Amino acid sequence: MLTRFPGPRYRELAKNWMPTVAMRGTVGAVGLVWATDWRLILDWVSYISGKFKKDD
């Protein structure tokens, strides 16, 4: 029953919307990093975290 629920029409619609959903998700993630404490999040990125050494 669950395999028939989405049906071929809805599977095709979902396949067509995937690039839009991925792009909006990416923009949302970048917006979240921009709106929050960007250094806290970017400290987890190995290439970028080396640029911001803390002075202890």
PDB file of N, CA and C in Angstrom:
ATOM      1  N   MET A   1       0.819  -1.190   0.000  1.00  0.00           N
ATOM      2  CA  MET A   1       0.000   0.000   0.000  1.00  0.00           C
ATOM      3  C   MET A   1       0.872   1.266   0.000  1.00  0.00           C
ATOM      4  N   LEU A   2       1.953   1.267   0.767  1.00  0.00           N
ATOM      5  CA  LEU A   2       2.802   2.451   0.825  1.00  0.00           C
ATOM      6  C   LEU A   2       3.528   2.708  -0.490  1.00  0.00           C
ATOM      7  N   THR A   3       3.773   1.657  -1.267  1.00  0.00           N
ATOM      8  CA  THR A   3       4.443   1.879  -2.547  1.00  0.00           C
ATOM      9  C   THR A   3       3.504   2.513  -3.562  1.00  0.00           C
ATOM     10  N   ARG A   4       2.212   2.308  -3.419  1.00  0.00           N
ATOM     11  CA  ARG A   4       1.242   2.888  -4.335  1.00  0.00           C
ATOM     12  C   ARG A   4       0.802   4.276  -3.897  1.00  0.00           C
ATOM     13  N   PHE A   5       1.048   4.648  -2.663  1.00  0.00           N
ATOM     14  CA  PHE A   5       0.566   5.929  -2.132  1.00  0.00           C
ATOM     15  C   PHE A   5       1.120   7.129  -2.893  1.00  0.00           C
ATOM     16  N   PRO A   6       2.459   7.260  -3.061  1.00  0.00           N
ATOM     17  CA  PRO A   6       2.945   8.448  -3.754  1.00  0.00           C
ATOM     18  C   PRO A   6       2.569   8.475  -5.235  1.00  0.00           C
ATOM     19  N   GLY A   7       2.468   7.346  -5.864  1.00  0.00           N
ATOM     20  CA  GLY A   7       2.072   7.289  -7.260  1.00  0.00           C
ATOM     21  C   GLY A   7       3.108   7.895  -8.195  1.00  0.00           C
ATOM     22  N   PRO A   8       3.028   7.573  -9.466  1.00  0.00           N
ATOM     23  CA  PRO A   8       4.040   8.064 -10.415  1.00  0.00           C
ATOM     24  C   PRO A   8       3.997   9.579 -10.624  1.00  0.00           C
ATOM     25  N   ARG A   9       2.832  10.163 -10.537  1.00  0.00           N
ATOM     26  CA  ARG A   9       2.736  11.615 -10.736  1.00  0.00           C
ATOM     27  C   ARG A   9       3.469  12.365  -9.636  1.00  0.00           C
ATOM     28  N   TYR A  10       3.268  11.949  -8.407  1.00  0.00           N
ATOM     29  CA  TYR A  10       3.905  12.637  -7.287  1.00  0.00           C
ATOM     30  C   TYR A  10       5.401  12.351  -7.227  1.00  0.00           C
ATOM     31  N   ARG A  11       5.820  11.183  -7.652  1.00  0.00           N
ATOM     32  CA  ARG A  11       7.260  10.904  -7.726  1.00  0.00           C
ATOM     33  C   ARG A  11       7.920  11.811  -8.760  1.00  0.00           C
ATOM     34  N   GLU A  12       7.263  12.024  -9.890  1.00  0.00           N
ATOM     35  CA  GLU A  12       7.790  12.913 -10.916  1.00  0.00           C
ATOM     36  C   GLU A  12       7.842  14.359 -10.417  1.00  0.00           C
ATOM     37  N   LEU A  13       6.804  14.786  -9.719  1.00  0.00           N
ATOM     38  CA  LEU A  13       6.808  16.137  -9.143  1.00  0.00           C
ATOM     39  C   LEU A  13       7.937  16.300  -8.125  1.00  0.00           C
ATOM     40  N   ALA A  14       8.125  15.292  -7.287  1.00  0.00           N
ATOM     41  CA  ALA A  14       9.192  15.365  -6.285  1.00  0.00           C
ATOM     42  C   ALA A  14      10.563  15.416  -6.962  1.00  0.00           C
ATOM     43  N   LYS A  15      10.738  14.651  -8.036  1.00  0.00           N
ATOM     44  CA  LYS A  15      12.009  14.657  -8.752  1.00  0.00           C
ATOM     45  C   LYS A  15      12.262  16.021  -9.397  1.00  0.00           C
ATOM     46  N   ASN A  16      11.219  16.664  -9.882  1.00  0.00           N
ATOM     47  CA  ASN A  16      11.381  17.984 -10.492  1.00  0.00           C
ATOM     48  C   ASN A  16      11.680  19.068  -9.463  1.00  0.00           C
ATOM     49  N   TRP A  17      11.184  18.914  -8.246  1.00  0.00           N
ATOM     50  CA  TRP A  17      11.371  19.924  -7.206  1.00  0.00           C
ATOM     51  C   TRP A  17      12.673  19.762  -6.428  1.00  0.00           C
ATOM     52  N   MET A  18      13.388  18.663  -6.600  1.00  0.00           N
ATOM     53  CA  MET A  18      14.590  18.420  -5.808  1.00  0.00           C
ATOM     54  C   MET A  18      15.664  19.501  -5.980  1.00  0.00           C
ATOM     55  N   PRO A  19      15.970  19.995  -7.182  1.00  0.00           N
ATOM     56  CA  PRO A  19      16.973  21.072  -7.269  1.00  0.00           C
ATOM     57  C   PRO A  19      16.539  22.346  -6.541  1.00  0.00           C
ATOM     58  N   THR A  20      15.260  22.667  -6.602  1.00  0.00           N
ATOM     59  CA  THR A  20      14.759  23.857  -5.913  1.00  0.00           C
ATOM     60  C   THR A  20      14.865  23.691  -4.404  1.00  0.00           C
ATOM     61  N   VAL A  21      14.498  22.526  -3.914  1.00  0.00           N
ATOM     62  CA  VAL A  21      14.570  22.253  -2.479  1.00  0.00           C
ATOM     63  C   VAL A  21      16.029  22.275  -2.011  1.00  0.00           C
ATOM     64  N   ALA A  22      16.922  21.703  -2.800  1.00  0.00           N
ATOM     65  CA  ALA A  22      18.342  21.708  -2.429  1.00  0.00           C
ATOM     66  C   ALA A  22      18.905  23.123  -2.408  1.00  0.00           C
ATOM     67  N   MET A  23      18.538  23.928  -3.386  1.00  0.00           N
ATOM     68  CA  MET A  23      19.039  25.309  -3.438  1.00  0.00           C
ATOM     69  C   MET A  23      18.504  26.128  -2.268  1.00  0.00           C
ATOM     70  N   ARG A  24      17.227  25.994  -1.977  1.00  0.00           N
ATOM     71  CA  ARG A  24      16.669  26.744  -0.843  1.00  0.00           C
ATOM     72  C   ARG A  24      17.251  26.280   0.481  1.00  0.00           C
ATOM     73  N   GLY A  25      17.536  24.983   0.599  1.00  0.00           N
ATOM     74  CA  GLY A  25      18.182  24.483   1.804  1.00  0.00           C
ATOM     75  C   GLY A  25      19.587  25.031   1.971  1.00  0.00           C
ATOM     76  N   THR A  26      20.314  25.114   0.862  1.00  0.00           N
ATOM     77  CA  THR A  26      21.659  25.670   0.906  1.00  0.00           C
ATOM     78  C   THR A  26      21.632  27.149   1.268  1.00  0.00           C
ATOM     79  N   VAL A  27      20.738  27.884   0.652  1.00  0.00           N
ATOM     80  CA  VAL A  27      20.610  29.312   0.965  1.00  0.00           C
ATOM     81  C   VAL A  27      20.186  29.492   2.422  1.00  0.00           C
ATOM     82  N   GLY A  28      19.300  28.639   2.900  1.00  0.00           N
ATOM     83  CA  GLY A  28      18.877  28.715   4.295  1.00  0.00           C
ATOM     84  C   GLY A  28      20.018  28.423   5.258  1.00  0.00           C
ATOM     85  N   ALA A  29      20.852  27.440   4.928  1.00  0.00           N
ATOM     86  CA  ALA A  29      21.991  27.118   5.788  1.00  0.00           C
ATOM     87  C   ALA A  29      23.003  28.260   5.807  1.00  0.00           C
ATOM     88  N   VAL A  30      23.272  28.837   4.651  1.00  0.00           N
ATOM     89  CA  VAL A  30      24.196  29.977   4.596  1.00  0.00           C
ATOM     90  C   VAL A  30      23.602  31.171   5.343  1.00  0.00           C
ATOM     91  N   GLY A  31      22.308  31.378   5.209  1.00  0.00           N
ATOM     92  CA  GLY A  31      21.650  32.457   5.949  1.00  0.00           C
ATOM     93  C   GLY A  31      21.696  32.233   7.445  1.00  0.00           C
ATOM     94  N   LEU A  32      21.582  30.995   7.864  1.00  0.00           N
ATOM     95  CA  LEU A  32      21.674  30.680   9.295  1.00  0.00           C
ATOM     96  C   LEU A  32      23.063  30.976   9.824  1.00  0.00           C
ATOM     97  N   VAL A  33      24.089  30.603   9.063  1.00  0.00           N
ATOM     98  CA  VAL A  33      25.462  30.907   9.476  1.00  0.00           C
ATOM     99  C   VAL A  33      25.670  32.414   9.522  1.00  0.00           C
ATOM    100  N   TRP A  34      25.120  33.129   8.561  1.00  0.00           N
ATOM    101  CA  TRP A  34      25.277  34.579   8.514  1.00  0.00           C
ATOM    102  C   TRP A  34      24.561  35.255   9.692  1.00  0.00           C
ATOM    103  N   ALA A  35      23.375  34.769  10.043  1.00  0.00           N
ATOM    104  CA  ALA A  35      22.568  35.418  11.070  1.00  0.00           C
ATOM    105  C   ALA A  35      23.008  35.047  12.485  1.00  0.00           C
ATOM    106  N   THR A  36      23.696  33.941  12.647  1.00  0.00           N
ATOM    107  CA  THR A  36      24.124  33.519  13.976  1.00  0.00           C
ATOM    108  C   THR A  36      25.603  33.832  14.155  1.00  0.00           C
ATOM    109  N   ASP A  37      26.167  33.287  15.191  1.00  0.00           N
ATOM    110  CA  ASP A  37      27.584  33.484  15.468  1.00  0.00           C
ATOM    111  C   ASP A  37      28.391  32.685  14.455  1.00  0.00           C
ATOM    112  N   TRP A  38      28.804  33.325  13.363  1.00  0.00           N
ATOM    113  CA  TRP A  38      29.454  32.638  12.250  1.00  0.00           C
ATOM    114  C   TRP A  38      30.770  32.001  12.657  1.00  0.00           C
ATOM    115  N   ARG A  39      31.474  32.596  13.577  1.00  0.00           N
ATOM    116  CA  ARG A  39      32.759  32.021  13.984  1.00  0.00           C
ATOM    117  C   ARG A  39      32.569  30.707  14.737  1.00  0.00           C
ATOM    118  N   LEU A  40      31.531  30.621  15.527  1.00  0.00           N
ATOM    119  CA  LEU A  40      31.247  29.390  16.254  1.00  0.00           C
ATOM    120  C   LEU A  40      30.992  28.240  15.285  1.00  0.00           C
ATOM    121  N   ILE A  41      30.268  28.499  14.220  1.00  0.00           N
ATOM    122  CA  ILE A  41      29.958  27.456  13.248  1.00  0.00           C
ATOM    123  C   ILE A  41      31.160  27.170  12.352  1.00  0.00           C
ATOM    124  N   LEU A  42      31.857  28.210  11.909  1.00  0.00           N
ATOM    125  CA  LEU A  42      32.976  28.010  10.991  1.00  0.00           C
ATOM    126  C   LEU A  42      34.216  27.460  11.675  1.00  0.00           C
ATOM    127  N   ASP A  43      34.252  27.418  12.992  1.00  0.00           N
ATOM    128  CA  ASP A  43      35.354  26.760  13.684  1.00  0.00           C
ATOM    129  C   ASP A  43      35.364  25.258  13.407  1.00  0.00           C
ATOM    130  N   TRP A  44      34.260  24.706  12.981  1.00  0.00           N
ATOM    131  CA  TRP A  44      34.182  23.280  12.653  1.00  0.00           C
ATOM    132  C   TRP A  44      34.705  22.989  11.255  1.00  0.00           C
ATOM    133  N   VAL A  45      34.863  23.983  10.408  1.00  0.00           N
ATOM    134  CA  VAL A  45      35.381  23.795   9.060  1.00  0.00           C
ATOM    135  C   VAL A  45      36.898  23.846   9.142  1.00  0.00           C
ATOM    136  N   SER A  46      37.563  22.775   8.774  1.00  0.00           N
ATOM    137  CA  SER A  46      38.995  22.662   9.032  1.00  0.00           C
ATOM    138  C   SER A  46      39.824  23.699   8.285  1.00  0.00           C
ATOM    139  N   TYR A  47      39.518  23.999   7.054  1.00  0.00           N
ATOM    140  CA  TYR A  47      40.319  24.960   6.287  1.00  0.00           C
ATOM    141  C   TYR A  47      40.182  26.373   6.849  1.00  0.00           C
ATOM    142  N   ILE A  48      38.983  26.737   7.244  1.00  0.00           N
ATOM    143  CA  ILE A  48      38.731  28.101   7.701  1.00  0.00           C
ATOM    144  C   ILE A  48      39.150  28.279   9.162  1.00  0.00           C
ATOM    145  N   SER A  49      39.036  27.235   9.976  1.00  0.00           N
ATOM    146  CA  SER A  49      39.316  27.397  11.397  1.00  0.00           C
ATOM    147  C   SER A  49      40.781  27.735  11.668  1.00  0.00           C
ATOM    148  N   GLY A  50      41.691  27.382  10.770  1.00  0.00           N
ATOM    149  CA  GLY A  50      43.103  27.710  10.958  1.00  0.00           C
ATOM    150  C   GLY A  50      43.388  29.191  10.773  1.00  0.00           C
ATOM    151  N   LYS A  51      42.511  29.899  10.109  1.00  0.00           N
ATOM    152  CA  LYS A  51      42.718  31.330   9.860  1.00  0.00           C
ATOM    153  C   LYS A  51      42.412  32.175  11.086  1.00  0.00           C
ATOM    154  N   PHE A  52      41.640  31.657  12.002  1.00  0.00           N
ATOM    155  CA  PHE A  52      41.201  32.424  13.161  1.00  0.00           C
ATOM    156  C   PHE A  52      41.809  31.833  14.434  1.00  0.00           C
ATOM    157  N   LYS A  53      43.076  32.019  14.616  1.00  0.00           N
ATOM    158  CA  LYS A  53      43.741  31.531  15.829  1.00  0.00           C
ATOM    159  C   LYS A  53      43.365  32.436  17.000  1.00  0.00           C
ATOM    160  N   LYS A  54      43.086  31.806  18.131  1.00  0.00           N
ATOM    161  CA  LYS A  54      42.739  32.576  19.319  1.00  0.00           C
ATOM    162  C   LYS A  54      44.022  32.979  20.064  1.00  0.00           C
ATOM    163  N   ASP A  55      44.065  34.196  20.504  1.00  0.00           N
ATOM    164  CA  ASP A  55      45.206  34.679  21.277  1.00  0.00           C
ATOM    165  C   ASP A  55      44.996  34.327  22.734  1.00  0.00           C
ATOM    166  N   ASP A  56      45.786  33.376  23.209  1.00  0.00           N
ATOM    167  CA  ASP A  56      45.661  32.962  24.621  1.00  0.00           C
ATOM    168  C   ASP A  56      46.784  33.521  25.446  1.00  0.00           C
TER     169      ASP A  56
END
